[in-house]
């Protein structure tokens, strides 16, 4: 099960990278079209925004796993070992509850946009449920990552690998 979940994180990170490339391509195409051929492509800015948002949400689980989220360790470093453990449990459970709530909200937003035929107010007039899928998938992955972290913590194993940048801060 651990390998399956980690592969899901990798898939989301791959989708994040592809989303970043799509954002880069949309911005580059927009600049090229405006500056070189003097053509304004309607809705291209919206697609770049969708791709940037998708990259952010898809990357949530992997960045949590790698310890690259902003973590305040000032309190944890000053707590005695017993208190630190209890505080880490509290933080993981709280984060799981909050991330599940956010994931439910994201999935509900996709569903509501789909059934109400909500479209983008931008020039592209795309159905909003399509770009919202990336938000929902990222939030589901994030909640799964916290659940995974709790299970591994219960087993006495570490989930988050603290990056060198995080160690030096």
N, C-alpha and C. Protein backbone atom coordinates (compact mmCIF):
# COMPACT_ATOMS: atom_id res chain seq x y z
N UNK A 1 0.83 -1.19 0.00
CA UNK A 1 0.00 0.00 0.00
C UNK A 1 0.87 1.26 0.00
N UNK A 2 1.96 1.20 0.76
CA UNK A 2 2.88 2.34 0.84
C UNK A 2 3.42 2.70 -0.54
N UNK A 3 3.79 1.69 -1.30
CA UNK A 3 4.35 1.92 -2.63
C UNK A 3 3.30 2.52 -3.57
N UNK A 4 2.06 2.06 -3.48
CA UNK A 4 0.98 2.58 -4.31
C UNK A 4 0.73 4.06 -4.02
N UNK A 5 0.71 4.42 -2.76
CA UNK A 5 0.46 5.81 -2.38
C UNK A 5 1.63 6.69 -2.82
N UNK A 6 2.84 6.22 -2.64
CA UNK A 6 4.00 7.01 -3.08
C UNK A 6 4.03 7.17 -4.60
N UNK A 7 3.59 6.15 -5.32
CA UNK A 7 3.49 6.28 -6.78
C UNK A 7 2.43 7.30 -7.17
N UNK A 8 1.35 7.37 -6.39
CA UNK A 8 0.32 8.39 -6.63
C UNK A 8 0.91 9.79 -6.43
N UNK A 9 1.74 9.95 -5.39
CA UNK A 9 2.40 11.24 -5.18
C UNK A 9 3.30 11.58 -6.36
N UNK A 10 4.01 10.59 -6.86
CA UNK A 10 4.89 10.81 -8.02
C UNK A 10 4.08 11.20 -9.27
N UNK A 11 2.95 10.53 -9.46
CA UNK A 11 2.08 10.88 -10.59
C UNK A 11 1.61 12.32 -10.48
N UNK A 12 1.19 12.72 -9.30
CA UNK A 12 0.75 14.11 -9.11
C UNK A 12 1.90 15.08 -9.34
N UNK A 13 3.12 14.71 -8.93
CA UNK A 13 4.27 15.58 -9.16
C UNK A 13 4.59 15.67 -10.65
N UNK A 14 4.44 14.57 -11.37
CA UNK A 14 4.62 14.60 -12.82
C UNK A 14 3.59 15.53 -13.47
N UNK A 15 2.34 15.41 -13.03
CA UNK A 15 1.30 16.30 -13.54
C UNK A 15 1.59 17.76 -13.19
N UNK A 16 2.19 17.99 -12.03
CA UNK A 16 2.58 19.34 -11.64
C UNK A 16 3.63 19.88 -12.61
N UNK A 17 4.60 19.07 -12.92
CA UNK A 17 5.63 19.48 -13.87
C UNK A 17 5.06 19.77 -15.25
N UNK A 18 4.16 18.91 -15.69
CA UNK A 18 3.51 19.15 -16.99
C UNK A 18 2.67 20.42 -16.97
N UNK A 19 2.04 20.70 -15.83
CA UNK A 19 1.26 21.92 -15.70
C UNK A 19 2.16 23.15 -15.76
N UNK A 20 3.34 23.04 -15.16
CA UNK A 20 4.28 24.17 -15.23
C UNK A 20 4.73 24.40 -16.66
N UNK A 21 4.97 23.32 -17.38
CA UNK A 21 5.34 23.46 -18.79
C UNK A 21 4.20 24.06 -19.61
N UNK A 22 2.97 23.66 -19.29
CA UNK A 22 1.81 24.22 -19.99
C UNK A 22 1.67 25.71 -19.70
N UNK A 23 1.91 26.12 -18.46
CA UNK A 23 1.86 27.54 -18.11
C UNK A 23 2.94 28.31 -18.85
N UNK A 24 4.14 27.74 -18.89
CA UNK A 24 5.23 28.37 -19.62
C UNK A 24 4.89 28.50 -21.10
N UNK A 25 4.32 27.44 -21.67
CA UNK A 25 3.95 27.47 -23.08
C UNK A 25 2.86 28.50 -23.36
N UNK A 26 1.88 28.61 -22.48
CA UNK A 26 0.79 29.57 -22.68
C UNK A 26 1.31 31.00 -22.59
N UNK A 27 2.16 31.26 -21.61
CA UNK A 27 2.72 32.61 -21.47
C UNK A 27 3.61 32.94 -22.65
N UNK A 28 4.46 32.00 -23.06
CA UNK A 28 5.34 32.22 -24.20
C UNK A 28 4.55 32.46 -25.47
N UNK A 29 3.53 31.64 -25.69
CA UNK A 29 2.68 31.82 -26.87
C UNK A 29 2.00 33.18 -26.85
N UNK A 30 1.51 33.59 -25.68
CA UNK A 30 0.86 34.89 -25.57
C UNK A 30 1.79 36.04 -25.88
N UNK A 31 3.01 35.99 -25.35
CA UNK A 31 3.99 37.04 -25.61
C UNK A 31 4.37 37.04 -27.09
N UNK A 32 4.62 35.87 -27.63
CA UNK A 32 4.98 35.76 -29.05
C UNK A 32 3.86 36.30 -29.93
N UNK A 33 2.65 35.91 -29.65
CA UNK A 33 1.52 36.34 -30.47
C UNK A 33 1.33 37.86 -30.40
N UNK A 34 1.48 38.43 -29.22
CA UNK A 34 1.29 39.88 -29.09
C UNK A 34 2.43 40.68 -29.68
N UNK A 35 3.65 40.24 -29.44
CA UNK A 35 4.82 41.03 -29.84
C UNK A 35 5.27 40.79 -31.27
N UNK A 36 5.13 39.59 -31.76
CA UNK A 36 5.67 39.27 -33.09
C UNK A 36 4.60 39.36 -34.17
N UNK A 37 3.48 38.72 -33.96
CA UNK A 37 2.45 38.73 -35.02
C UNK A 37 1.28 39.66 -34.70
N UNK A 38 1.40 40.41 -33.60
CA UNK A 38 0.39 41.40 -33.21
C UNK A 38 -1.02 40.83 -33.18
N UNK A 39 -1.14 39.71 -32.49
CA UNK A 39 -2.42 39.03 -32.37
C UNK A 39 -2.67 38.75 -30.89
N UNK A 40 -3.85 39.08 -30.42
CA UNK A 40 -4.22 38.80 -29.05
C UNK A 40 -5.09 37.54 -29.03
N UNK A 41 -4.61 36.52 -28.35
CA UNK A 41 -5.35 35.27 -28.25
C UNK A 41 -6.20 35.32 -26.99
N UNK A 42 -7.51 35.43 -27.17
CA UNK A 42 -8.42 35.54 -26.04
C UNK A 42 -8.39 34.28 -25.19
N UNK A 43 -8.37 34.46 -23.88
CA UNK A 43 -8.44 33.35 -22.94
C UNK A 43 -7.12 32.69 -22.62
N UNK A 44 -6.06 33.07 -23.30
CA UNK A 44 -4.77 32.43 -23.06
C UNK A 44 -4.25 32.72 -21.65
N UNK A 45 -4.51 33.91 -21.15
CA UNK A 45 -4.10 34.24 -19.78
C UNK A 45 -4.82 33.36 -18.77
N UNK A 46 -6.09 33.09 -19.03
CA UNK A 46 -6.85 32.22 -18.12
C UNK A 46 -6.27 30.81 -18.12
N UNK A 47 -5.89 30.31 -19.28
CA UNK A 47 -5.31 28.97 -19.34
C UNK A 47 -3.97 28.91 -18.62
N UNK A 48 -3.19 29.97 -18.72
CA UNK A 48 -1.93 30.02 -17.97
C UNK A 48 -2.21 30.00 -16.47
N UNK A 49 -3.21 30.73 -16.05
CA UNK A 49 -3.59 30.73 -14.63
C UNK A 49 -4.07 29.37 -14.17
N UNK A 50 -4.86 28.70 -14.99
CA UNK A 50 -5.32 27.36 -14.63
C UNK A 50 -4.13 26.42 -14.48
N UNK A 51 -3.17 26.53 -15.39
CA UNK A 51 -2.00 25.64 -15.34
C UNK A 51 -1.15 25.92 -14.11
N UNK A 52 -1.00 27.18 -13.74
CA UNK A 52 -0.23 27.52 -12.54
C UNK A 52 -0.91 26.98 -11.29
N UNK A 53 -2.23 27.15 -11.22
CA UNK A 53 -2.98 26.63 -10.07
C UNK A 53 -2.88 25.10 -10.02
N UNK A 54 -2.97 24.46 -11.17
CA UNK A 54 -2.86 22.99 -11.21
C UNK A 54 -1.48 22.55 -10.72
N UNK A 55 -0.44 23.24 -11.14
CA UNK A 55 0.92 22.90 -10.70
C UNK A 55 1.03 23.00 -9.18
N UNK A 56 0.45 24.02 -8.61
CA UNK A 56 0.50 24.20 -7.16
C UNK A 56 -0.22 23.07 -6.44
N UNK A 57 -1.44 22.77 -6.84
CA UNK A 57 -2.22 21.76 -6.12
C UNK A 57 -1.66 20.35 -6.34
N UNK A 58 -1.22 20.04 -7.55
CA UNK A 58 -0.66 18.71 -7.81
C UNK A 58 0.60 18.46 -6.98
N UNK A 59 1.34 19.51 -6.66
CA UNK A 59 2.62 19.35 -5.95
C UNK A 59 2.46 19.21 -4.44
N UNK A 60 1.29 19.46 -3.89
CA UNK A 60 1.11 19.45 -2.43
C UNK A 60 1.58 18.16 -1.75
N UNK A 61 1.15 16.97 -2.18
CA UNK A 61 1.57 15.75 -1.46
C UNK A 61 3.08 15.50 -1.49
N UNK A 62 3.69 15.68 -2.64
CA UNK A 62 5.13 15.41 -2.75
C UNK A 62 5.96 16.39 -1.95
N UNK A 63 5.54 17.66 -1.94
CA UNK A 63 6.30 18.62 -1.15
C UNK A 63 6.14 18.35 0.34
N UNK A 64 4.98 17.86 0.74
CA UNK A 64 4.81 17.47 2.15
C UNK A 64 5.73 16.29 2.47
N UNK A 65 5.75 15.31 1.59
CA UNK A 65 6.58 14.12 1.80
C UNK A 65 8.07 14.49 1.87
N UNK A 66 8.48 15.47 1.09
CA UNK A 66 9.89 15.87 1.08
C UNK A 66 10.23 16.89 2.15
N UNK A 67 9.24 17.30 2.94
CA UNK A 67 9.50 18.27 4.00
C UNK A 67 9.76 19.66 3.48
N UNK A 68 9.24 19.98 2.32
CA UNK A 68 9.50 21.29 1.71
C UNK A 68 8.43 22.33 1.99
N UNK A 69 7.37 21.96 2.69
CA UNK A 69 6.39 22.96 3.10
C UNK A 69 7.01 23.80 4.22
N UNK A 70 6.52 24.98 4.36
CA UNK A 70 7.01 25.84 5.44
C UNK A 70 6.54 25.23 6.76
N UNK A 71 7.49 24.87 7.57
CA UNK A 71 7.17 24.26 8.87
C UNK A 71 7.82 25.09 9.95
N UNK A 72 7.06 25.40 10.95
CA UNK A 72 7.60 26.14 12.07
C UNK A 72 8.14 25.14 13.07
N UNK A 73 9.45 25.04 13.14
CA UNK A 73 10.08 24.08 14.05
C UNK A 73 10.61 24.77 15.30
N UNK A 74 10.43 26.06 15.40
CA UNK A 74 10.92 26.79 16.56
C UNK A 74 10.33 26.23 17.84
N UNK A 75 9.04 25.97 17.84
CA UNK A 75 8.38 25.41 19.03
C UNK A 75 8.80 23.97 19.24
N UNK A 76 8.80 23.18 18.16
CA UNK A 76 9.16 21.76 18.30
C UNK A 76 10.58 21.57 18.83
N UNK A 77 11.50 22.40 18.38
CA UNK A 77 12.89 22.26 18.82
C UNK A 77 13.06 22.59 20.30
N UNK A 78 12.19 23.39 20.84
CA UNK A 78 12.31 23.81 22.23
C UNK A 78 11.51 22.93 23.21
N UNK A 79 10.68 22.06 22.68
CA UNK A 79 9.85 21.21 23.54
C UNK A 79 10.63 19.98 24.00
N UNK A 80 10.35 19.51 25.20
CA UNK A 80 10.93 18.23 25.63
C UNK A 80 10.40 17.10 24.73
N UNK A 81 11.11 16.01 24.68
CA UNK A 81 10.78 14.90 23.76
C UNK A 81 9.34 14.42 23.94
N UNK A 82 8.88 14.30 25.17
CA UNK A 82 7.52 13.82 25.42
C UNK A 82 6.48 14.80 24.88
N UNK A 83 6.69 16.08 25.15
CA UNK A 83 5.75 17.10 24.66
C UNK A 83 5.83 17.22 23.15
N UNK A 84 7.03 17.08 22.63
CA UNK A 84 7.21 17.20 21.18
C UNK A 84 6.40 16.11 20.46
N UNK A 85 6.47 14.91 20.96
CA UNK A 85 5.74 13.81 20.36
C UNK A 85 4.23 14.07 20.38
N UNK A 86 3.73 14.51 21.52
CA UNK A 86 2.30 14.81 21.64
C UNK A 86 1.90 15.96 20.71
N UNK A 87 2.76 16.96 20.63
CA UNK A 87 2.47 18.11 19.76
C UNK A 87 2.49 17.70 18.29
N UNK A 88 3.42 16.84 17.91
CA UNK A 88 3.47 16.34 16.52
C UNK A 88 2.21 15.54 16.20
N UNK A 89 1.76 14.69 17.13
CA UNK A 89 0.52 13.94 16.92
C UNK A 89 -0.65 14.91 16.73
N UNK A 90 -0.73 15.90 17.61
CA UNK A 90 -1.80 16.89 17.51
C UNK A 90 -1.77 17.60 16.15
N UNK A 91 -0.59 17.99 15.72
CA UNK A 91 -0.45 18.70 14.44
C UNK A 91 -0.86 17.80 13.27
N UNK A 92 -0.43 16.54 13.28
CA UNK A 92 -0.77 15.63 12.20
C UNK A 92 -2.28 15.35 12.15
N UNK A 93 -2.89 15.13 13.29
CA UNK A 93 -4.34 14.88 13.32
C UNK A 93 -5.09 16.12 12.87
N UNK A 94 -4.69 17.29 13.37
CA UNK A 94 -5.34 18.54 12.97
C UNK A 94 -5.20 18.78 11.47
N UNK A 95 -4.01 18.55 10.95
CA UNK A 95 -3.77 18.75 9.52
C UNK A 95 -4.59 17.77 8.69
N UNK A 96 -4.72 16.54 9.16
CA UNK A 96 -5.54 15.56 8.45
C UNK A 96 -6.99 16.00 8.41
N UNK A 97 -7.53 16.41 9.54
CA UNK A 97 -8.92 16.86 9.59
C UNK A 97 -9.14 18.05 8.66
N UNK A 98 -8.25 19.02 8.73
CA UNK A 98 -8.38 20.21 7.88
C UNK A 98 -8.23 19.87 6.40
N UNK A 99 -7.27 19.02 6.06
CA UNK A 99 -7.06 18.68 4.65
C UNK A 99 -8.21 17.84 4.09
N UNK A 100 -8.81 16.98 4.91
CA UNK A 100 -9.98 16.22 4.45
C UNK A 100 -11.15 17.17 4.20
N UNK A 101 -11.32 18.14 5.09
CA UNK A 101 -12.38 19.14 4.90
C UNK A 101 -12.16 19.91 3.60
N UNK A 102 -10.93 20.35 3.36
CA UNK A 102 -10.62 21.10 2.15
C UNK A 102 -10.81 20.23 0.91
N UNK A 103 -10.41 18.95 0.98
CA UNK A 103 -10.59 18.04 -0.15
C UNK A 103 -12.07 17.84 -0.45
N UNK A 104 -12.88 17.68 0.60
CA UNK A 104 -14.33 17.54 0.40
C UNK A 104 -14.91 18.79 -0.25
N UNK A 105 -14.46 19.94 0.21
CA UNK A 105 -14.92 21.21 -0.37
C UNK A 105 -14.52 21.30 -1.85
N UNK A 106 -13.28 20.90 -2.16
CA UNK A 106 -12.79 20.98 -3.55
C UNK A 106 -13.59 20.05 -4.45
N UNK A 107 -13.85 18.83 -3.99
CA UNK A 107 -14.64 17.88 -4.78
C UNK A 107 -16.06 18.41 -4.96
N UNK A 108 -16.61 18.96 -3.90
CA UNK A 108 -17.96 19.54 -3.98
C UNK A 108 -18.01 20.71 -4.97
N UNK A 109 -16.97 21.53 -4.98
CA UNK A 109 -16.90 22.65 -5.93
C UNK A 109 -16.90 22.16 -7.37
N UNK A 110 -16.15 21.11 -7.63
CA UNK A 110 -16.13 20.54 -8.98
C UNK A 110 -17.53 20.05 -9.36
N UNK A 111 -18.15 19.34 -8.45
CA UNK A 111 -19.48 18.80 -8.73
C UNK A 111 -20.50 19.92 -8.96
N UNK A 112 -20.48 20.93 -8.13
CA UNK A 112 -21.43 22.04 -8.29
C UNK A 112 -21.18 22.77 -9.60
N UNK A 113 -19.93 22.99 -9.95
CA UNK A 113 -19.62 23.65 -11.23
C UNK A 113 -20.10 22.81 -12.40
N UNK A 114 -19.98 21.49 -12.25
CA UNK A 114 -20.40 20.59 -13.33
C UNK A 114 -21.93 20.60 -13.50
N UNK A 115 -22.66 20.47 -12.40
CA UNK A 115 -24.12 20.35 -12.52
C UNK A 115 -24.79 21.69 -12.84
N UNK A 116 -24.12 22.80 -12.49
CA UNK A 116 -24.71 24.12 -12.80
C UNK A 116 -24.18 24.70 -14.10
N UNK A 117 -23.32 23.97 -14.77
CA UNK A 117 -22.72 24.42 -16.03
C UNK A 117 -22.04 25.77 -15.88
N UNK A 118 -21.31 25.91 -14.80
CA UNK A 118 -20.58 27.14 -14.50
C UNK A 118 -19.44 27.30 -15.49
N UNK A 119 -19.33 28.49 -16.06
CA UNK A 119 -18.25 28.75 -17.02
C UNK A 119 -17.38 29.89 -16.52
N UNK A 120 -16.20 29.94 -17.03
CA UNK A 120 -15.24 30.97 -16.65
C UNK A 120 -15.71 32.34 -17.13
N UNK A 121 -15.56 33.36 -16.30
CA UNK A 121 -15.94 34.70 -16.73
C UNK A 121 -14.90 35.33 -17.67
N UNK A 122 -13.76 34.66 -17.83
CA UNK A 122 -12.72 35.16 -18.72
C UNK A 122 -13.14 34.94 -20.17
N UNK A 123 -12.32 35.41 -21.07
CA UNK A 123 -12.64 35.34 -22.49
C UNK A 123 -12.69 33.91 -23.02
N UNK A 124 -12.10 32.96 -22.30
CA UNK A 124 -12.09 31.58 -22.77
C UNK A 124 -13.43 30.89 -22.60
N UNK A 125 -14.23 31.31 -21.61
CA UNK A 125 -15.55 30.74 -21.33
C UNK A 125 -15.51 29.21 -21.22
N UNK A 126 -14.49 28.70 -20.55
CA UNK A 126 -14.36 27.26 -20.35
C UNK A 126 -15.27 26.81 -19.21
N UNK A 127 -15.74 25.57 -19.26
CA UNK A 127 -16.44 25.03 -18.09
C UNK A 127 -15.47 24.97 -16.91
N UNK A 128 -15.86 25.53 -15.78
CA UNK A 128 -14.94 25.65 -14.65
C UNK A 128 -14.60 24.31 -13.99
N UNK A 129 -15.45 23.31 -14.16
CA UNK A 129 -15.16 22.04 -13.50
C UNK A 129 -13.90 21.40 -14.06
N UNK A 130 -13.53 21.72 -15.29
CA UNK A 130 -12.34 21.10 -15.89
C UNK A 130 -11.06 21.55 -15.18
N UNK A 131 -10.80 22.85 -15.02
CA UNK A 131 -9.59 23.20 -14.27
C UNK A 131 -9.70 22.92 -12.78
N UNK A 132 -10.92 22.86 -12.26
CA UNK A 132 -11.09 22.58 -10.83
C UNK A 132 -10.75 21.13 -10.47
N UNK A 133 -10.73 20.25 -11.45
CA UNK A 133 -10.38 18.85 -11.18
C UNK A 133 -8.96 18.76 -10.60
N UNK A 134 -8.05 19.58 -11.12
CA UNK A 134 -6.68 19.55 -10.60
C UNK A 134 -6.64 19.97 -9.14
N UNK A 135 -7.45 20.95 -8.77
CA UNK A 135 -7.52 21.37 -7.37
C UNK A 135 -8.02 20.22 -6.50
N UNK A 136 -9.07 19.56 -6.95
CA UNK A 136 -9.64 18.46 -6.18
C UNK A 136 -8.65 17.30 -6.06
N UNK A 137 -7.99 16.96 -7.14
CA UNK A 137 -7.02 15.86 -7.10
C UNK A 137 -5.85 16.18 -6.16
N UNK A 138 -5.36 17.41 -6.23
CA UNK A 138 -4.26 17.81 -5.35
C UNK A 138 -4.67 17.80 -3.89
N UNK A 139 -5.87 18.27 -3.61
CA UNK A 139 -6.36 18.29 -2.22
C UNK A 139 -6.60 16.87 -1.70
N UNK A 140 -7.10 15.99 -2.55
CA UNK A 140 -7.27 14.59 -2.15
C UNK A 140 -5.90 13.97 -1.86
N UNK A 141 -4.93 14.24 -2.71
CA UNK A 141 -3.58 13.74 -2.49
C UNK A 141 -2.97 14.29 -1.21
N UNK A 142 -3.25 15.55 -0.91
CA UNK A 142 -2.72 16.18 0.30
C UNK A 142 -3.32 15.52 1.54
N UNK A 143 -4.63 15.30 1.52
CA UNK A 143 -5.28 14.62 2.65
C UNK A 143 -4.74 13.19 2.79
N UNK A 144 -4.56 12.52 1.66
CA UNK A 144 -4.00 11.17 1.70
C UNK A 144 -2.58 11.18 2.27
N UNK A 145 -1.82 12.21 1.94
CA UNK A 145 -0.46 12.31 2.46
C UNK A 145 -0.45 12.48 3.97
N UNK A 146 -1.38 13.26 4.50
CA UNK A 146 -1.45 13.39 5.96
C UNK A 146 -1.91 12.09 6.62
N UNK A 147 -2.85 11.40 6.00
CA UNK A 147 -3.28 10.10 6.53
C UNK A 147 -2.11 9.12 6.50
N UNK A 148 -1.37 9.13 5.42
CA UNK A 148 -0.19 8.28 5.27
C UNK A 148 0.84 8.62 6.35
N UNK A 149 1.05 9.91 6.58
CA UNK A 149 2.01 10.35 7.60
C UNK A 149 1.58 9.86 8.98
N UNK A 150 0.28 9.91 9.26
CA UNK A 150 -0.22 9.43 10.55
C UNK A 150 -0.02 7.93 10.71
N UNK A 151 -0.28 7.17 9.67
CA UNK A 151 -0.09 5.72 9.74
C UNK A 151 1.39 5.39 9.97
N UNK A 152 2.26 6.06 9.22
CA UNK A 152 3.70 5.80 9.40
C UNK A 152 4.18 6.24 10.77
N UNK A 153 3.65 7.34 11.28
CA UNK A 153 4.00 7.81 12.63
C UNK A 153 3.57 6.78 13.67
N UNK A 154 2.38 6.22 13.46
CA UNK A 154 1.87 5.19 14.37
C UNK A 154 2.78 3.95 14.35
N UNK A 155 3.34 3.65 13.18
CA UNK A 155 4.24 2.51 13.04
C UNK A 155 5.65 2.83 13.52
N UNK A 156 5.90 4.08 13.87
CA UNK A 156 7.22 4.48 14.34
C UNK A 156 8.18 4.82 13.22
N UNK A 157 7.66 4.99 12.03
CA UNK A 157 8.50 5.33 10.87
C UNK A 157 8.30 6.80 10.52
N UNK A 158 9.28 7.37 9.86
CA UNK A 158 9.20 8.78 9.45
C UNK A 158 8.55 8.88 8.08
N UNK A 159 7.73 9.89 7.91
CA UNK A 159 7.10 10.15 6.62
C UNK A 159 7.82 11.26 5.89
N UNK A 160 8.09 12.33 6.59
CA UNK A 160 8.66 13.51 5.96
C UNK A 160 10.18 13.44 6.00
N UNK A 161 10.76 13.56 4.83
CA UNK A 161 12.20 13.65 4.73
C UNK A 161 12.54 15.14 4.72
N UNK A 162 13.21 15.61 5.74
CA UNK A 162 13.50 17.03 5.82
C UNK A 162 14.60 17.36 4.83
N UNK A 163 14.34 18.35 3.97
CA UNK A 163 15.28 18.72 2.95
C UNK A 163 16.47 19.49 3.56
N UNK A 164 17.53 19.59 2.81
CA UNK A 164 18.71 20.33 3.27
C UNK A 164 18.37 21.79 3.50
N UNK A 165 17.52 22.36 2.66
CA UNK A 165 17.14 23.76 2.82
C UNK A 165 16.38 23.96 4.12
N UNK A 166 15.51 23.01 4.46
CA UNK A 166 14.74 23.11 5.70
C UNK A 166 15.63 22.93 6.91
N UNK A 167 16.65 22.08 6.80
CA UNK A 167 17.55 21.87 7.93
C UNK A 167 18.38 23.11 8.23
N UNK A 168 18.74 23.85 7.18
CA UNK A 168 19.61 25.00 7.38
C UNK A 168 18.86 26.21 7.90
N UNK A 169 17.51 26.18 7.87
CA UNK A 169 16.74 27.35 8.32
C UNK A 169 16.54 27.35 9.80
